[in-house]
Amino acid sequence: MPKMQVYLPAELYERVKARGDAFNVSSVLQRALEETLEELDRREALDAAIRAYESEHGRISAKEVAMQEAADRAAARRPRLHRGRRKRRAA
């Protein structure tokens, strides 16, 4: 497996060294890099999709963005669970 040198601020280095036995530093850094690269890939794909849409349909307006945000918020709302009234016990 190829190696890469990573530079850390002194304070972070000391904190990592103090807890070095509690976790695998390489694994943590690999996961963090994977997550960062996946996020960059998603953003690039979104940018490409927007460019493709705008090249076909024209620039997306602020009104269209607002309408989509409202639709997304509405779709994200979770329905409240129906809660029946509690039955009171007879004393």
C-alpha atoms as a PDB file:
ATOM      1  CA  MET A   1       0.000   0.000   0.000  1.00  0.00           C
ATOM      2  CA  PRO A   2       1.440   3.401  -0.928  1.00  0.00           C
ATOM      3  CA  LYS A   3       2.364   5.776   1.876  1.00  0.00           C
ATOM      4  CA  MET A   4       1.643   9.466   2.208  1.00  0.00           C
ATOM      5  CA  GLN A   5       3.176  11.929   4.623  1.00  0.00           C
ATOM      6  CA  VAL A   6       0.665  14.019   6.576  1.00  0.00           C
ATOM      7  CA  TYR A   7       1.473  17.188   8.480  1.00  0.00           C
ATOM      8  CA  LEU A   8      -0.440  18.009  11.640  1.00  0.00           C
ATOM      9  CA  PRO A   9      -0.411  21.053  13.888  1.00  0.00           C
ATOM     10  CA  ALA A  10       1.686  20.361  17.006  1.00  0.00           C
ATOM     11  CA  GLU A  11      -1.301  20.398  19.370  1.00  0.00           C
ATOM     12  CA  LEU A  12      -3.252  17.914  17.240  1.00  0.00           C
ATOM     13  CA  TYR A  13      -0.192  15.687  16.904  1.00  0.00           C
ATOM     14  CA  GLU A  14       0.234  15.594  20.689  1.00  0.00           C
ATOM     15  CA  ARG A  15      -3.428  14.741  21.210  1.00  0.00           C
ATOM     16  CA  VAL A  16      -3.244  11.926  18.650  1.00  0.00           C
ATOM     17  CA  LYS A  17      -0.047  10.546  20.162  1.00  0.00           C
ATOM     18  CA  ALA A  18      -1.595  10.620  23.641  1.00  0.00           C
ATOM     19  CA  ARG A  19      -4.482   8.451  22.418  1.00  0.00           C
ATOM     20  CA  GLY A  20      -2.635   6.513  19.733  1.00  0.00           C
ATOM     21  CA  ASP A  21      -3.469   3.158  21.301  1.00  0.00           C
ATOM     22  CA  ALA A  22      -7.210   3.915  21.340  1.00  0.00           C
ATOM     23  CA  PHE A  23      -7.639   3.967  17.556  1.00  0.00           C
ATOM     24  CA  ASN A  24      -5.873   3.300  14.278  1.00  0.00           C
ATOM     25  CA  VAL A  25      -4.773   6.691  12.928  1.00  0.00           C
ATOM     26  CA  SER A  26      -4.377   5.414   9.376  1.00  0.00           C
ATOM     27  CA  SER A  27      -7.916   4.008   9.333  1.00  0.00           C
ATOM     28  CA  VAL A  28      -9.376   7.250  10.681  1.00  0.00           C
ATOM     29  CA  LEU A  29      -7.519   9.318   8.079  1.00  0.00           C
ATOM     30  CA  GLN A  30      -8.506   6.918   5.286  1.00  0.00           C
ATOM     31  CA  ARG A  31     -12.202   7.179   6.256  1.00  0.00           C
ATOM     32  CA  ALA A  32     -12.004  10.972   6.490  1.00  0.00           C
ATOM     33  CA  LEU A  33     -10.381  11.184   3.063  1.00  0.00           C
ATOM     34  CA  GLU A  34     -12.976   8.816   1.560  1.00  0.00           C
ATOM     35  CA  GLU A  35     -15.825  10.913   2.959  1.00  0.00           C
ATOM     36  CA  THR A  36     -14.230  14.129   1.695  1.00  0.00           C
ATOM     37  CA  LEU A  37     -13.647  12.706  -1.778  1.00  0.00           C
ATOM     38  CA  GLU A  38     -17.214  11.354  -1.933  1.00  0.00           C
ATOM     39  CA  GLU A  39     -18.543  14.805  -1.008  1.00  0.00           C
ATOM     40  CA  LEU A  40     -16.396  16.401  -3.730  1.00  0.00           C
ATOM     41  CA  ASP A  41     -17.682  13.832  -6.238  1.00  0.00           C
ATOM     42  CA  ARG A  42     -21.308  14.617  -5.261  1.00  0.00           C
ATOM     43  CA  ARG A  43     -20.722  18.352  -5.639  1.00  0.00           C
ATOM     44  CA  GLU A  44     -19.055  17.900  -9.029  1.00  0.00           C
ATOM     45  CA  ALA A  45     -21.932  15.683 -10.198  1.00  0.00           C
ATOM     46  CA  LEU A  46     -24.454  18.260  -9.006  1.00  0.00           C
ATOM     47  CA  ASP A  47     -22.579  21.054 -10.786  1.00  0.00           C
ATOM     48  CA  ALA A  48     -22.542  18.992 -13.985  1.00  0.00           C
ATOM     49  CA  ALA A  49     -26.269  18.253 -13.687  1.00  0.00           C
ATOM     50  CA  ILE A  50     -27.055  21.934 -13.173  1.00  0.00           C
ATOM     51  CA  ARG A  51     -24.906  22.926 -16.157  1.00  0.00           C
ATOM     52  CA  ALA A  52     -26.641  20.325 -18.329  1.00  0.00           C
ATOM     53  CA  TYR A  53     -30.102  21.468 -17.183  1.00  0.00           C
ATOM     54  CA  GLU A  54     -29.279  25.133 -17.743  1.00  0.00           C
ATOM     55  CA  SER A  55     -27.800  24.485 -21.177  1.00  0.00           C
ATOM     56  CA  GLU A  56     -31.101  22.882 -22.201  1.00  0.00           C
ATOM     57  CA  HIS A  57     -33.636  24.981 -20.274  1.00  0.00           C
ATOM     58  CA  GLY A  58     -31.855  28.238 -19.442  1.00  0.00           C
ATOM     59  CA  ARG A  59     -30.623  29.636 -16.173  1.00  0.00           C
ATOM     60  CA  ILE A  60     -32.441  28.481 -13.046  1.00  0.00           C
ATOM     61  CA  SER A  61     -34.278  31.443 -11.520  1.00  0.00           C
ATOM     62  CA  ALA A  62     -34.435  32.410  -7.852  1.00  0.00           C
ATOM     63  CA  LYS A  63     -38.183  31.741  -8.002  1.00  0.00           C
ATOM     64  CA  GLU A  64     -37.600  28.179  -9.237  1.00  0.00           C
ATOM     65  CA  VAL A  65     -35.055  27.595  -6.456  1.00  0.00           C
ATOM     66  CA  ALA A  66     -37.502  28.905  -3.832  1.00  0.00           C
ATOM     67  CA  MET A  67     -40.302  26.730  -5.190  1.00  0.00           C
ATOM     68  CA  GLN A  68     -38.102  23.637  -5.116  1.00  0.00           C
ATOM     69  CA  GLU A  69     -36.892  24.401  -1.586  1.00  0.00           C
ATOM     70  CA  ALA A  70     -40.511  24.686  -0.421  1.00  0.00           C
ATOM     71  CA  ALA A  71     -41.382  21.394  -2.122  1.00  0.00           C
ATOM     72  CA  ASP A  72     -38.352  19.708  -0.540  1.00  0.00           C
ATOM     73  CA  ARG A  73     -39.295  20.998   2.917  1.00  0.00           C
ATOM     74  CA  ALA A  74     -42.848  19.742   2.482  1.00  0.00           C
ATOM     75  CA  ALA A  75     -41.639  16.334   1.320  1.00  0.00           C
ATOM     76  CA  ALA A  76     -39.231  16.092   4.249  1.00  0.00           C
ATOM     77  CA  ARG A  77     -41.908  16.655   6.886  1.00  0.00           C
ATOM     78  CA  ARG A  78     -42.725  13.522   8.733  1.00  0.00           C
ATOM     79  CA  PRO A  79     -46.363  12.862   9.420  1.00  0.00           C
ATOM     80  CA  ARG A  80     -47.247  12.900  13.086  1.00  0.00           C
ATOM     81  CA  LEU A  81     -48.193   9.574  14.509  1.00  0.00           C
ATOM     82  CA  HIS A  82     -51.824   9.352  15.513  1.00  0.00           C
ATOM     83  CA  ARG A  83     -52.040   9.222  19.234  1.00  0.00           C
ATOM     84  CA  GLY A  84     -55.369   8.208  20.634  1.00  0.00           C
ATOM     85  CA  ARG A  85     -56.608   9.543  23.909  1.00  0.00           C
ATOM     86  CA  ARG A  86     -55.459   7.688  26.936  1.00  0.00           C
ATOM     87  CA  LYS A  87     -58.107   5.742  28.687  1.00  0.00           C
ATOM     88  CA  ARG A  88     -58.531   6.767  32.272  1.00  0.00           C
ATOM     89  CA  ARG A  89     -58.698   4.059  34.811  1.00  0.00           C
ATOM     90  CA  ALA A  90     -61.672   3.997  37.081  1.00  0.00           C
ATOM     91  CA  ALA A  91     -60.657   4.766  40.648  1.00  0.00           C
END
